[in-house]
Every structure is written in C-alpha cells, then in structure tokens.
PDB file of N, CA and C in Angstrom:
ATOM      1  N   MET A   1       1.057  -1.174  -0.106  1.00  0.00           N
ATOM      2  CA  MET A   1      -0.022   0.130   0.039  1.00  0.00           C
ATOM      3  C   MET A   1       0.895   1.397   0.032  1.00  0.00           C
ATOM      4  N   GLN A   2       2.146   1.237   0.706  1.00  0.00           N
ATOM      5  CA  GLN A   2       3.107   2.295   0.823  1.00  0.00           C
ATOM      6  C   GLN A   2       3.261   2.918  -0.670  1.00  0.00           C
ATOM      7  N   ASP A   3       3.484   1.834  -1.487  1.00  0.00           N
ATOM      8  CA  ASP A   3       3.871   2.165  -2.808  1.00  0.00           C
ATOM      9  C   ASP A   3       2.758   2.772  -3.507  1.00  0.00           C
ATOM     10  N   ARG A   4       1.595   2.263  -3.467  1.00  0.00           N
ATOM     11  CA  ARG A   4       0.481   3.005  -4.124  1.00  0.00           C
ATOM     12  C   ARG A   4       0.268   4.344  -3.572  1.00  0.00           C
ATOM     13  N   ILE A   5       0.341   4.781  -2.456  1.00  0.00           N
ATOM     14  CA  ILE A   5       0.444   6.029  -1.717  1.00  0.00           C
ATOM     15  C   ILE A   5       1.309   7.118  -2.294  1.00  0.00           C
ATOM     16  N   TRP A   6       2.573   6.468  -2.682  1.00  0.00           N
ATOM     17  CA  TRP A   6       3.639   7.375  -3.111  1.00  0.00           C
ATOM     18  C   TRP A   6       3.193   7.673  -4.813  1.00  0.00           C
ATOM     19  N   LYS A   7       2.924   6.591  -5.379  1.00  0.00           N
ATOM     20  CA  LYS A   7       2.469   6.772  -6.768  1.00  0.00           C
ATOM     21  C   LYS A   7       1.353   7.955  -7.065  1.00  0.00           C
ATOM     22  N   MET A   8       0.406   7.839  -6.082  1.00  0.00           N
ATOM     23  CA  MET A   8      -0.817   8.720  -5.970  1.00  0.00           C
ATOM     24  C   MET A   8      -0.399  10.199  -5.798  1.00  0.00           C
ATOM     25  N   PHE A   9       0.720  10.123  -4.601  1.00  0.00           N
ATOM     26  CA  PHE A   9       0.858  11.316  -4.051  1.00  0.00           C
ATOM     27  C   PHE A   9       1.867  12.247  -4.984  1.00  0.00           C
ATOM     28  N   ASP A  10       2.725  11.617  -5.764  1.00  0.00           N
ATOM     29  CA  ASP A  10       3.369  12.206  -7.011  1.00  0.00           C
ATOM     30  C   ASP A  10       2.530  12.773  -8.212  1.00  0.00           C
ATOM     31  N   ASN A  11       1.282  12.513  -8.169  1.00  0.00           N
ATOM     32  CA  ASN A  11       0.335  13.034  -9.172  1.00  0.00           C
ATOM     33  C   ASN A  11      -0.823  13.881  -8.544  1.00  0.00           C
ATOM     34  N   PHE A  12      -0.617  14.495  -7.309  1.00  0.00           N
ATOM     35  CA  PHE A  12      -1.771  15.305  -6.930  1.00  0.00           C
ATOM     36  C   PHE A  12      -1.047  16.403  -6.348  1.00  0.00           C
ATOM     37  N   ASP A  13      -1.987  17.719  -6.405  1.00  0.00           N
ATOM     38  CA  ASP A  13      -1.429  19.008  -5.796  1.00  0.00           C
ATOM     39  C   ASP A  13      -2.114  19.069  -4.428  1.00  0.00           C
ATOM     40  N   ALA A  14      -3.131  18.458  -4.149  1.00  0.00           N
ATOM     41  CA  ALA A  14      -3.610  18.772  -2.685  1.00  0.00           C
ATOM     42  C   ALA A  14      -4.359  17.312  -2.262  1.00  0.00           C
ATOM     43  N   VAL A  15      -4.905  17.137  -1.344  1.00  0.00           N
ATOM     44  CA  VAL A  15      -5.611  16.103  -0.790  1.00  0.00           C
ATOM     45  C   VAL A  15      -6.936  16.525  -0.208  1.00  0.00           C
ATOM     46  N   ILE A  16      -7.992  16.039  -0.490  1.00  0.00           N
ATOM     47  CA  ILE A  16      -9.274  16.201  -0.060  1.00  0.00           C
ATOM     48  C   ILE A  16      -9.821  14.966   0.419  1.00  0.00           C
ATOM     49  N   ALA A  17      -9.965  14.991   2.009  1.00  0.00           N
ATOM     50  CA  ALA A  17     -10.742  13.802   2.807  1.00  0.00           C
ATOM     51  C   ALA A  17     -12.175  14.251   3.034  1.00  0.00           C
ATOM     52  N   LEU A  18     -12.998  13.192   2.953  1.00  0.00           N
ATOM     53  CA  LEU A  18     -14.337  12.971   3.021  1.00  0.00           C
ATOM     54  C   LEU A  18     -14.640  12.296   4.283  1.00  0.00           C
ATOM     55  N   PRO A  19     -15.543  12.781   5.148  1.00  0.00           N
ATOM     56  CA  PRO A  19     -15.788  11.874   6.409  1.00  0.00           C
ATOM     57  C   PRO A  19     -15.572  10.325   6.198  1.00  0.00           C
ATOM     58  N   GLY A  20     -14.467   9.828   7.213  1.00  0.00           N
ATOM     59  CA  GLY A  20     -14.379   8.457   7.087  1.00  0.00           C
ATOM     60  C   GLY A  20     -13.870   7.824   8.261  1.00  0.00           C
ATOM     61  N   GLY A  21     -13.376   6.674   8.201  1.00  0.00           N
ATOM     62  CA  GLY A  21     -12.831   5.871   9.331  1.00  0.00           C
ATOM     63  C   GLY A  21     -11.223   6.074   9.675  1.00  0.00           C
ATOM     64  N   ILE A  22     -10.859   5.092  10.185  1.00  0.00           N
ATOM     65  CA  ILE A  22      -9.258   4.796  10.679  1.00  0.00           C
ATOM     66  C   ILE A  22      -8.242   5.184   9.576  1.00  0.00           C
ATOM     67  N   VAL A  23      -8.471   4.412   8.360  1.00  0.00           N
ATOM     68  CA  VAL A  23      -7.693   4.386   7.129  1.00  0.00           C
ATOM     69  C   VAL A  23      -7.634   5.859   6.873  1.00  0.00           C
ATOM     70  N   THR A  24      -8.732   6.689   6.523  1.00  0.00           N
ATOM     71  CA  THR A  24      -8.718   7.889   6.182  1.00  0.00           C
ATOM     72  C   THR A  24      -8.051   8.611   6.985  1.00  0.00           C
ATOM     73  N   LEU A  25      -8.167   8.657   8.373  1.00  0.00           N
ATOM     74  CA  LEU A  25      -7.434   9.674   9.277  1.00  0.00           C
ATOM     75  C   LEU A  25      -6.102   9.113   9.156  1.00  0.00           C
ATOM     76  N   GLU A  26      -5.508   7.887   9.187  1.00  0.00           N
ATOM     77  CA  GLU A  26      -4.175   7.308   9.110  1.00  0.00           C
ATOM     78  C   GLU A  26      -3.604   7.954   8.012  1.00  0.00           C
ATOM     79  N   LYS A  27      -3.907   7.785   6.770  1.00  0.00           N
ATOM     80  CA  LYS A  27      -3.337   8.296   5.705  1.00  0.00           C
ATOM     81  C   LYS A  27      -3.321   9.732   5.447  1.00  0.00           C
ATOM     82  N   ASN A  28      -4.308  10.690   5.890  1.00  0.00           N
ATOM     83  CA  ASN A  28      -4.233  12.014   6.138  1.00  0.00           C
ATOM     84  C   ASN A  28      -3.171  12.424   7.133  1.00  0.00           C
ATOM     85  N   PHE A  29      -2.862  11.741   8.255  1.00  0.00           N
ATOM     86  CA  PHE A  29      -1.778  12.119   8.986  1.00  0.00           C
ATOM     87  C   PHE A  29      -0.273  11.585   8.542  1.00  0.00           C
ATOM     88  N   GLN A  30      -0.429  10.538   7.793  1.00  0.00           N
ATOM     89  CA  GLN A  30       1.094  10.080   7.312  1.00  0.00           C
ATOM     90  C   GLN A  30       1.436  11.290   6.082  1.00  0.00           C
ATOM     91  N   ILE A  31       0.152  11.816   5.404  1.00  0.00           N
ATOM     92  CA  ILE A  31       0.843  12.855   4.416  1.00  0.00           C
ATOM     93  C   ILE A  31       0.862  14.169   5.340  1.00  0.00           C
ATOM     94  N   ALA A  32       0.371  14.463   6.400  1.00  0.00           N
ATOM     95  CA  ALA A  32       0.614  15.396   7.122  1.00  0.00           C
ATOM     96  C   ALA A  32       2.002  15.347   7.680  1.00  0.00           C
ATOM     97  N   SER A  33       2.380  14.268   8.220  1.00  0.00           N
ATOM     98  CA  SER A  33       3.825  14.007   8.766  1.00  0.00           C
ATOM     99  C   SER A  33       4.840  14.437   7.690  1.00  0.00           C
ATOM    100  N   TRP A  34       4.590  13.995   6.551  1.00  0.00           N
ATOM    101  CA  TRP A  34       5.603  14.042   5.333  1.00  0.00           C
ATOM    102  C   TRP A  34       5.657  15.750   5.251  1.00  0.00           C
ATOM    103  N   ALA A  35       4.509  16.420   5.307  1.00  0.00           N
ATOM    104  CA  ALA A  35       4.611  17.989   5.253  1.00  0.00           C
ATOM    105  C   ALA A  35       5.418  18.666   6.189  1.00  0.00           C
ATOM    106  N   GLN A  36       5.192  17.987   7.684  1.00  0.00           N
ATOM    107  CA  GLN A  36       6.185  18.476   8.874  1.00  0.00           C
ATOM    108  C   GLN A  36       7.450  18.054   8.541  1.00  0.00           C
ATOM    109  N   LEU A  37       7.964  16.729   7.858  1.00  0.00           N
ATOM    110  CA  LEU A  37       9.341  16.674   7.588  1.00  0.00           C
ATOM    111  C   LEU A  37       9.720  17.203   6.242  1.00  0.00           C
ATOM    112  N   ASN A  38       9.021  18.202   5.736  1.00  0.00           N
ATOM    113  CA  ASN A  38       9.376  19.087   4.528  1.00  0.00           C
ATOM    114  C   ASN A  38       9.661  18.312   3.306  1.00  0.00           C
ATOM    115  N   ILE A  39       8.723  16.953   3.169  1.00  0.00           N
ATOM    116  CA  ILE A  39       8.804  16.218   2.109  1.00  0.00           C
ATOM    117  C   ILE A  39       7.900  16.795   0.987  1.00  0.00           C
ATOM    118  N   HIS A  40       7.019  17.580   1.262  1.00  0.00           N
ATOM    119  CA  HIS A  40       6.180  18.276   0.340  1.00  0.00           C
ATOM    120  C   HIS A  40       5.433  19.509   1.024  1.00  0.00           C
ATOM    121  N   HIS A  41       4.807  20.070   0.422  1.00  0.00           N
ATOM    122  CA  HIS A  41       4.117  21.376   0.771  1.00  0.00           C
ATOM    123  C   HIS A  41       2.672  21.448   0.333  1.00  0.00           C
ATOM    124  N   LYS A  42       1.950  20.176   0.086  1.00  0.00           N
ATOM    125  CA  LYS A  42       0.637  20.056  -0.532  1.00  0.00           C
ATOM    126  C   LYS A  42      -0.407  20.051   0.925  1.00  0.00           C
ATOM    127  N   PRO A  43      -1.341  20.804   0.582  1.00  0.00           N
ATOM    128  CA  PRO A  43      -2.502  20.936   1.790  1.00  0.00           C
ATOM    129  C   PRO A  43      -3.375  19.632   1.618  1.00  0.00           C
ATOM    130  N   ILE A  44      -3.999  19.594   2.747  1.00  0.00           N
ATOM    131  CA  ILE A  44      -4.971  18.418   3.174  1.00  0.00           C
ATOM    132  C   ILE A  44      -6.460  19.126   3.347  1.00  0.00           C
ATOM    133  N   GLY A  45      -7.164  18.989   2.713  1.00  0.00           N
ATOM    134  CA  GLY A  45      -8.415  19.475   2.622  1.00  0.00           C
ATOM    135  C   GLY A  45      -9.385  18.617   3.382  1.00  0.00           C
ATOM    136  N   LEU A  46     -10.183  18.890   4.481  1.00  0.00           N
ATOM    137  CA  LEU A  46     -10.991  18.141   5.034  1.00  0.00           C
ATOM    138  C   LEU A  46     -12.399  18.658   4.896  1.00  0.00           C
ATOM    139  N   LEU A  47     -13.253  17.931   4.184  1.00  0.00           N
ATOM    140  CA  LEU A  47     -14.556  18.294   3.816  1.00  0.00           C
ATOM    141  C   LEU A  47     -15.470  17.949   4.873  1.00  0.00           C
ATOM    142  N   ASN A  48     -15.734  18.987   5.558  1.00  0.00           N
ATOM    143  CA  ASN A  48     -16.045  19.013   6.988  1.00  0.00           C
ATOM    144  C   ASN A  48     -17.959  18.879   6.885  1.00  0.00           C
ATOM    145  N   VAL A  49     -18.242  17.860   6.387  1.00  0.00           N
ATOM    146  CA  VAL A  49     -19.689  17.585   6.258  1.00  0.00           C
ATOM    147  C   VAL A  49     -20.324  17.635   7.560  1.00  0.00           C
ATOM    148  N   ASP A  50     -21.351  18.315   7.812  1.00  0.00           N
ATOM    149  CA  ASP A  50     -22.202  18.323   9.081  1.00  0.00           C
ATOM    150  C   ASP A  50     -21.418  18.237  10.332  1.00  0.00           C
ATOM    151  N   GLY A  51     -20.326  18.931  10.075  1.00  0.00           N
ATOM    152  CA  GLY A  51     -19.368  19.071  11.388  1.00  0.00           C
ATOM    153  C   GLY A  51     -18.617  17.843  11.703  1.00  0.00           C
ATOM    154  N   PHE A  52     -18.314  16.760  10.794  1.00  0.00           N
ATOM    155  CA  PHE A  52     -17.884  15.664  11.061  1.00  0.00           C
ATOM    156  C   PHE A  52     -16.293  15.730  11.913  1.00  0.00           C
ATOM    157  N   PHE A  53     -15.724  16.663  11.204  1.00  0.00           N
ATOM    158  CA  PHE A  53     -14.194  16.847  11.614  1.00  0.00           C
ATOM    159  C   PHE A  53     -14.067  17.713  12.722  1.00  0.00           C
ATOM    160  N   ASN A  54     -15.163  18.323  13.171  1.00  0.00           N
ATOM    161  CA  ASN A  54     -14.922  19.295  14.437  1.00  0.00           C
ATOM    162  C   ASN A  54     -14.119  18.999  15.458  1.00  0.00           C
ATOM    163  N   LYS A  55     -14.385  17.830  15.914  1.00  0.00           N
ATOM    164  CA  LYS A  55     -13.566  17.456  17.184  1.00  0.00           C
ATOM    165  C   LYS A  55     -11.924  17.089  16.562  1.00  0.00           C
ATOM    166  N   LEU A  56     -11.705  16.620  15.542  1.00  0.00           N
ATOM    167  CA  LEU A  56     -10.353  16.423  15.088  1.00  0.00           C
ATOM    168  C   LEU A  56      -9.869  17.822  15.092  1.00  0.00           C
ATOM    169  N   LEU A  57     -10.538  18.882  14.268  1.00  0.00           N
ATOM    170  CA  LEU A  57      -9.807  20.131  14.274  1.00  0.00           C
ATOM    171  C   LEU A  57      -9.729  20.856  15.478  1.00  0.00           C
ATOM    172  N   SER A  58     -10.666  20.505  16.378  1.00  0.00           N
ATOM    173  CA  SER A  58     -10.153  20.870  17.890  1.00  0.00           C
ATOM    174  C   SER A  58      -9.054  20.535  18.597  1.00  0.00           C
ATOM    175  N   PHE A  59      -9.097  19.198  18.338  1.00  0.00           N
ATOM    176  CA  PHE A  59      -7.767  18.479  18.918  1.00  0.00           C
ATOM    177  C   PHE A  59      -6.333  19.295  18.172  1.00  0.00           C
ATOM    178  N   LEU A  60      -6.501  19.177  16.879  1.00  0.00           N
ATOM    179  CA  LEU A  60      -5.189  19.861  16.203  1.00  0.00           C
ATOM    180  C   LEU A  60      -5.026  21.343  16.969  1.00  0.00           C
ATOM    181  N   ASP A  61      -6.124  22.192  17.001  1.00  0.00           N
ATOM    182  CA  ASP A  61      -5.943  23.349  17.769  1.00  0.00           C
ATOM    183  C   ASP A  61      -5.378  23.403  18.862  1.00  0.00           C
ATOM    184  N   GLN A  62      -5.676  22.520  19.830  1.00  0.00           N
ATOM    185  CA  GLN A  62      -5.274  22.436  21.174  1.00  0.00           C
ATOM    186  C   GLN A  62      -3.943  21.838  21.075  1.00  0.00           C
ATOM    187  N   ALA A  63      -3.489  20.898  20.331  1.00  0.00           N
ATOM    188  CA  ALA A  63      -2.025  20.551  20.207  1.00  0.00           C
ATOM    189  C   ALA A  63      -1.090  21.480  20.029  1.00  0.00           C
ATOM    190  N   LYS A  64      -1.624  22.248  18.838  1.00  0.00           N
ATOM    191  CA  LYS A  64      -0.786  23.389  18.499  1.00  0.00           C
ATOM    192  C   LYS A  64      -0.752  24.441  19.356  1.00  0.00           C
ATOM    193  N   LYS A  65      -1.962  24.650  20.538  1.00  0.00           N
ATOM    194  CA  LYS A  65      -1.968  25.734  21.203  1.00  0.00           C
ATOM    195  C   LYS A  65      -0.729  25.430  22.629  1.00  0.00           C
ATOM    196  N   GLU A  66      -0.669  23.958  22.643  1.00  0.00           N
ATOM    197  CA  GLU A  66       0.108  23.352  23.868  1.00  0.00           C
ATOM    198  C   GLU A  66       1.505  23.062  23.217  1.00  0.00           C
ATOM    199  N   ASN A  67       1.829  23.531  21.987  1.00  0.00           N
ATOM    200  CA  ASN A  67       2.989  23.497  21.504  1.00  0.00           C
ATOM    201  C   ASN A  67       3.537  21.869  21.163  1.00  0.00           C
ATOM    202  N   PHE A  68       2.454  20.917  21.104  1.00  0.00           N
ATOM    203  CA  PHE A  68       2.986  19.556  20.515  1.00  0.00           C
ATOM    204  C   PHE A  68       3.150  19.293  19.165  1.00  0.00           C
ATOM    205  N   ILE A  69       2.252  20.271  18.361  1.00  0.00           N
ATOM    206  CA  ILE A  69       2.625  20.287  16.934  1.00  0.00           C
ATOM    207  C   ILE A  69       2.940  22.047  16.605  1.00  0.00           C
ATOM    208  N   PRO A  70       3.897  22.118  15.529  1.00  0.00           N
ATOM    209  CA  PRO A  70       3.930  23.443  14.898  1.00  0.00           C
ATOM    210  C   PRO A  70       2.946  23.992  14.133  1.00  0.00           C
ATOM    211  N   HIS A  71       2.856  25.441  14.170  1.00  0.00           N
ATOM    212  CA  HIS A  71       2.024  25.890  12.987  1.00  0.00           C
ATOM    213  C   HIS A  71       1.853  25.242  11.790  1.00  0.00           C
ATOM    214  N   SER A  72       2.995  24.956  11.135  1.00  0.00           N
ATOM    215  CA  SER A  72       2.985  24.604   9.826  1.00  0.00           C
ATOM    216  C   SER A  72       2.367  23.092  10.081  1.00  0.00           C
ATOM    217  N   ALA A  73       2.428  22.356  10.924  1.00  0.00           N
ATOM    218  CA  ALA A  73       1.540  21.044  11.057  1.00  0.00           C
ATOM    219  C   ALA A  73       0.009  21.350  11.001  1.00  0.00           C
ATOM    220  N   ARG A  74      -0.338  22.358  11.757  1.00  0.00           N
ATOM    221  CA  ARG A  74      -1.784  22.585  11.666  1.00  0.00           C
ATOM    222  C   ARG A  74      -2.223  23.287  10.517  1.00  0.00           C
ATOM    223  N   GLN A  75      -1.629  24.297   9.987  1.00  0.00           N
ATOM    224  CA  GLN A  75      -2.052  24.958   8.884  1.00  0.00           C
ATOM    225  C   GLN A  75      -2.323  24.241   7.535  1.00  0.00           C
ATOM    226  N   ILE A  76      -1.670  22.820   7.618  1.00  0.00           N
ATOM    227  CA  ILE A  76      -1.599  22.064   6.386  1.00  0.00           C
ATOM    228  C   ILE A  76      -3.207  21.527   6.093  1.00  0.00           C
ATOM    229  N   PHE A  77      -3.826  21.522   7.321  1.00  0.00           N
ATOM    230  CA  PHE A  77      -5.231  20.843   7.288  1.00  0.00           C
ATOM    231  C   PHE A  77      -6.048  22.078   7.078  1.00  0.00           C
ATOM    232  N   ILE A  78      -6.983  22.042   6.124  1.00  0.00           N
ATOM    233  CA  ILE A  78      -7.840  22.931   5.469  1.00  0.00           C
ATOM    234  C   ILE A  78      -9.270  22.462   5.643  1.00  0.00           C
ATOM    235  N   SER A  79     -10.222  23.207   6.471  1.00  0.00           N
ATOM    236  CA  SER A  79     -11.387  22.660   6.613  1.00  0.00           C
ATOM    237  C   SER A  79     -12.424  23.735   5.781  1.00  0.00           C
ATOM    238  N   THR A  80     -13.420  23.109   5.425  1.00  0.00           N
ATOM    239  CA  THR A  80     -14.676  23.779   4.702  1.00  0.00           C
ATOM    240  C   THR A  80     -15.999  22.775   4.719  1.00  0.00           C
ATOM    241  N   SER A  81     -16.870  23.400   4.731  1.00  0.00           N
ATOM    242  CA  SER A  81     -18.277  22.512   4.816  1.00  0.00           C
ATOM    243  C   SER A  81     -18.850  22.363   3.228  1.00  0.00           C
ATOM    244  N   THR A  82     -18.171  23.162   2.244  1.00  0.00           N
ATOM    245  CA  THR A  82     -18.494  22.824   0.845  1.00  0.00           C
ATOM    246  C   THR A  82     -17.547  22.792  -0.181  1.00  0.00           C
ATOM    247  N   GLU A  83     -17.619  22.130  -1.287  1.00  0.00           N
ATOM    248  CA  GLU A  83     -16.860  21.683  -2.369  1.00  0.00           C
ATOM    249  C   GLU A  83     -16.170  23.095  -2.600  1.00  0.00           C
ATOM    250  N   GLU A  84     -17.147  24.202  -2.898  1.00  0.00           N
ATOM    251  CA  GLU A  84     -16.506  25.170  -3.655  1.00  0.00           C
ATOM    252  C   GLU A  84     -15.610  25.988  -2.907  1.00  0.00           C
ATOM    253  N   GLU A  85     -16.058  26.041  -1.668  1.00  0.00           N
ATOM    254  CA  GLU A  85     -15.093  26.741  -0.555  1.00  0.00           C
ATOM    255  C   GLU A  85     -13.899  25.976  -0.556  1.00  0.00           C
ATOM    256  N   MET A  86     -13.812  24.828  -0.681  1.00  0.00           N
ATOM    257  CA  MET A  86     -12.613  24.002  -0.554  1.00  0.00           C
ATOM    258  C   MET A  86     -11.700  24.164  -1.679  1.00  0.00           C
ATOM    259  N   ILE A  87     -12.226  24.226  -2.797  1.00  0.00           N
ATOM    260  CA  ILE A  87     -11.498  24.420  -4.128  1.00  0.00           C
ATOM    261  C   ILE A  87     -10.902  25.782  -4.083  1.00  0.00           C
ATOM    262  N   ASP A  88     -11.571  26.826  -3.667  1.00  0.00           N
ATOM    263  CA  ASP A  88     -11.031  28.152  -3.298  1.00  0.00           C
ATOM    264  C   ASP A  88      -9.833  28.138  -2.427  1.00  0.00           C
ATOM    265  N   LYS A  89     -10.077  27.408  -1.306  1.00  0.00           N
ATOM    266  CA  LYS A  89      -9.037  27.667  -0.240  1.00  0.00           C
ATOM    267  C   LYS A  89      -7.840  26.833  -0.543  1.00  0.00           C
ATOM    268  N   LEU A  90      -7.984  25.611  -1.315  1.00  0.00           N
ATOM    269  CA  LEU A  90      -6.961  24.951  -1.816  1.00  0.00           C
ATOM    270  C   LEU A  90      -6.128  25.803  -2.536  1.00  0.00           C
ATOM    271  N   GLU A  91      -6.558  26.197  -3.681  1.00  0.00           N
ATOM    272  CA  GLU A  91      -5.975  27.277  -4.438  1.00  0.00           C
ATOM    273  C   GLU A  91      -5.269  28.314  -3.941  1.00  0.00           C
ATOM    274  N   ASP A  92      -5.743  28.957  -2.945  1.00  0.00           N
ATOM    275  CA  ASP A  92      -5.193  29.986  -2.179  1.00  0.00           C
ATOM    276  C   ASP A  92      -4.077  29.692  -0.893  1.00  0.00           C
ATOM    277  N   PHE A  93      -4.044  28.452  -0.974  1.00  0.00           N
ATOM    278  CA  PHE A  93      -3.181  27.876   0.110  1.00  0.00           C
ATOM    279  C   PHE A  93      -1.399  28.038  -0.106  1.00  0.00           C
ATOM    280  N   VAL A  94      -0.930  28.882   0.947  1.00  0.00           N
ATOM    281  CA  VAL A  94       0.400  28.992   1.080  1.00  0.00           C
ATOM    282  C   VAL A  94       1.124  28.279   2.154  1.00  0.00           C
ATOM    283  N   TYR A  95       2.162  27.481   1.862  1.00  0.00           N
ATOM    284  CA  TYR A  95       2.824  26.628   2.899  1.00  0.00           C
ATOM    285  C   TYR A  95       3.616  27.395   3.743  1.00  0.00           C
ATOM    286  N   GLU A  96       3.657  27.692   5.042  1.00  0.00           N
ATOM    287  CA  GLU A  96       4.527  28.092   5.765  1.00  0.00           C
ATOM    288  C   GLU A  96       5.477  26.918   6.469  1.00  0.00           C
ATOM    289  N   PRO A  97       6.887  26.777   5.871  1.00  0.00           N
ATOM    290  CA  PRO A  97       7.401  25.860   6.634  1.00  0.00           C
ATOM    291  C   PRO A  97       7.899  25.853   7.685  1.00  0.00           C
ATOM    292  N   ASP A  98       8.130  24.660   8.672  1.00  0.00           N
ATOM    293  CA  ASP A  98       8.634  24.691  10.034  1.00  0.00           C
ATOM    294  C   ASP A  98      10.166  24.864   9.724  1.00  0.00           C
ATOM    295  N   LEU A  99      10.371  25.937  10.570  1.00  0.00           N
ATOM    296  CA  LEU A  99      11.944  26.330  10.421  1.00  0.00           C
ATOM    297  C   LEU A  99      12.890  24.940  10.798  1.00  0.00           C
ATOM    298  N   VAL A 100      12.554  24.356  11.488  1.00  0.00           N
ATOM    299  CA  VAL A 100      13.558  23.120  11.993  1.00  0.00           C
ATOM    300  C   VAL A 100      13.562  22.204  10.966  1.00  0.00           C
ATOM    301  N   ALA A 101      12.234  21.608  10.443  1.00  0.00           N
ATOM    302  CA  ALA A 101      12.313  20.854   9.355  1.00  0.00           C
ATOM    303  C   ALA A 101      12.834  21.210   8.184  1.00  0.00           C
ATOM    304  N   THR A 102      12.933  22.628   7.741  1.00  0.00           N
ATOM    305  CA  THR A 102      13.503  22.780   6.523  1.00  0.00           C
ATOM    306  C   THR A 102      15.191  22.754   6.554  1.00  0.00           C
ATOM    307  N   LYS A 103      15.725  22.404   7.649  1.00  0.00           N
ATOM    308  CA  LYS A 103      17.054  22.147   7.688  1.00  0.00           C
ATOM    309  C   LYS A 103      17.428  20.801   7.475  1.00  0.00           C
ATOM    310  N   ILE A 104      16.462  19.847   7.364  1.00  0.00           N
ATOM    311  CA  ILE A 104      16.770  18.371   7.095  1.00  0.00           C
ATOM    312  C   ILE A 104      16.545  18.195   5.788  1.00  0.00           C
ATOM    313  N   ASN A 105      17.589  17.310   5.384  1.00  0.00           N
ATOM    314  CA  ASN A 105      17.677  16.821   3.929  1.00  0.00           C
ATOM    315  C   ASN A 105      17.163  15.283   3.933  1.00  0.00           C
ATOM    316  N   TRP A 106      15.770  15.264   3.101  1.00  0.00           N
ATOM    317  CA  TRP A 106      15.273  13.990   3.101  1.00  0.00           C
ATOM    318  C   TRP A 106      15.645  13.292   1.549  1.00  0.00           C
ATOM    319  N   SER A 107      16.273  13.927   0.835  1.00  0.00           N
ATOM    320  CA  SER A 107      16.303  13.456  -0.477  1.00  0.00           C
ATOM    321  C   SER A 107      17.331  12.031  -0.426  1.00  0.00           C
ATOM    322  N   LYS A 108      16.869  11.411  -1.377  1.00  0.00           N
ATOM    323  CA  LYS A 108      17.377  10.113  -1.464  1.00  0.00           C
ATOM    324  C   LYS A 108      18.946   9.859  -1.790  1.00  0.00           C
ATOM    325  N   GLY A 109      19.582  10.895  -2.283  1.00  0.00           N
ATOM    326  CA  GLY A 109      20.909  10.912  -2.328  1.00  0.00           C
ATOM    327  C   GLY A 109      21.645  11.299  -1.080  1.00  0.00           C
ATOM    328  N   ARG A 110      21.205  11.319  -0.199  1.00  0.00           N
ATOM    329  CA  ARG A 110      21.902  11.609   1.194  1.00  0.00           C
ATOM    330  C   ARG A 110      23.131  10.860   1.353  1.00  0.00           C
ATOM    331  N   SER A 111      24.110  11.404   1.917  1.00  0.00           N
ATOM    332  CA  SER A 111      25.211  10.824   2.325  1.00  0.00           C
ATOM    333  C   SER A 111      25.037   9.547   3.041  1.00  0.00           C
ATOM    334  N   SER A 112      25.534   8.394   2.635  1.00  0.00           N
ATOM    335  CA  SER A 112      25.509   7.230   3.324  1.00  0.00           C
ATOM    336  C   SER A 112      26.407   7.106   4.610  1.00  0.00           C
ATOM    337  N   LYS A 113      27.296   8.144   4.674  1.00  0.00           N
ATOM    338  CA  LYS A 113      28.136   8.280   6.047  1.00  0.00           C
ATOM    339  C   LYS A 113      27.348   8.328   7.291  1.00  0.00           C
ATOM    340  N   LYS A 114      27.738   7.641   8.162  1.00  0.00           N
ATOM    341  CA  LYS A 114      26.928   7.488   9.479  1.00  0.00           C
ATOM    342  C   LYS A 114      27.391   8.508  10.221  1.00  0.00           C
ATOM    343  N   ARG A 115      26.518   9.106  11.020  1.00  0.00           N
ATOM    344  CA  ARG A 115      26.789  10.153  11.768  1.00  0.00           C
ATOM    345  C   ARG A 115      26.780   9.396  13.528  1.00  0.00           C
ATOM    346  N   LYS A 116      28.026   9.952  14.331  1.00  0.00           N
ATOM    347  CA  LYS A 116      27.696   9.588  15.514  1.00  0.00           C
ATOM    348  C   LYS A 116      26.950  10.228  16.474  1.00  0.00           C
ATOM    349  N   MET A 117      25.912   9.578  17.279  1.00  0.00           N
ATOM    350  CA  MET A 117      25.155  10.181  17.958  1.00  0.00           C
ATOM    351  C   MET A 117      25.469  10.244  19.396  1.00  0.00           C
ATOM    352  N   ASP A 118      25.293  11.429  20.171  1.00  0.00           N
ATOM    353  CA  ASP A 118      25.686  11.385  21.737  1.00  0.00           C
ATOM    354  C   ASP A 118      24.482  11.166  22.354  1.00  0.00           C
ATOM    355  N   LEU A 119      24.474   9.845  22.851  1.00  0.00           N
ATOM    356  CA  LEU A 119      23.096   9.502  23.467  1.00  0.00           C
ATOM    357  C   LEU A 119      23.292   9.238  25.026  1.00  0.00           C
ATOM    358  N   SER A 120      24.380  10.055  25.789  1.00  0.00           N
ATOM    359  CA  SER A 120      24.859  10.139  26.855  1.00  0.00           C
ATOM    360  C   SER A 120      23.842  10.901  27.577  1.00  0.00           C
ATOM    361  N   LEU A 121      23.345  10.745  28.809  1.00  0.00           N
ATOM    362  CA  LEU A 121      22.252  11.544  29.576  1.00  0.00           C
ATOM    363  C   LEU A 121      23.332  12.400  30.416  1.00  0.00           C
ATOM    364  N   HIS A 122      22.719  13.800  30.431  1.00  0.00           N
ATOM    365  CA  HIS A 122      23.270  14.916  30.848  1.00  0.00           C
ATOM    366  C   HIS A 122      22.475  15.409  31.931  1.00  0.00           C
ATOM    367  N   LEU A 123      22.800  15.080  33.096  1.00  0.00           N
ATOM    368  CA  LEU A 123      21.909  15.876  34.216  1.00  0.00           C
ATOM    369  C   LEU A 123      22.375  17.090  34.802  1.00  0.00           C
TER     370      LEU A 123
END
C-alpha cells in the first residue's frame, strides 16, 4: 500500500478527505507528517460535512496551542463545509514551512556516511 500512496502522491497537488474511518485518518496524518518533515508542501482539505471533523480540528488546535505540533503542521489542514469553498481555499493555500524541518535533507541522495550520535544522559 505504501507504494500506491507514493504513486498517487506524485500525481496530486492536494488531498481532499471526506468523512471516513481509521484508514482515512491514518493516511491524512501520514501525508501531514511528510509535510512536517518538509517532504512536500501540499495541503490536506477536510470536507467537514455536518461538522464531522470538528473534534479533530479542535484536537489539532489544542495540540498547536500547547506546542505539541508546530503551526506548519496545523496549517496544512484546511477545513470547509462546501466543495466550492474547499477548491477556493486549496487554490489560495500558501505553505509556511517549519523552520527546523527545512534544515533536514530527506532526499534519497543523502550521504550514506553514518553520524555518531551522543546518547549520553546529561543531568
């Protein structure tokens, strides 16, 4: 399934999620995590039919407020209740990258040289 996601991912400019279950959430958060890692800058639209995503959006707002996720991770999710408004917001979307993640190189051509990590505990 991961290969299928990558193939689809290369061919779209945005994701629009309809109300759904666990797999819908899992794939949207997977794509959101790629944005946080600066792998892409594509928005995720949540078509919030009858307020279906309200609690998820509240959770994301709370996680941002308490600094569990950066602004860039929250702003990737766009929510509207109509298809027309969704298209307009997706077309107007401008990604604001996470300044920490922008310093990480996730390209496949990375150096294979291993870096030594300091895992000692400093009290």
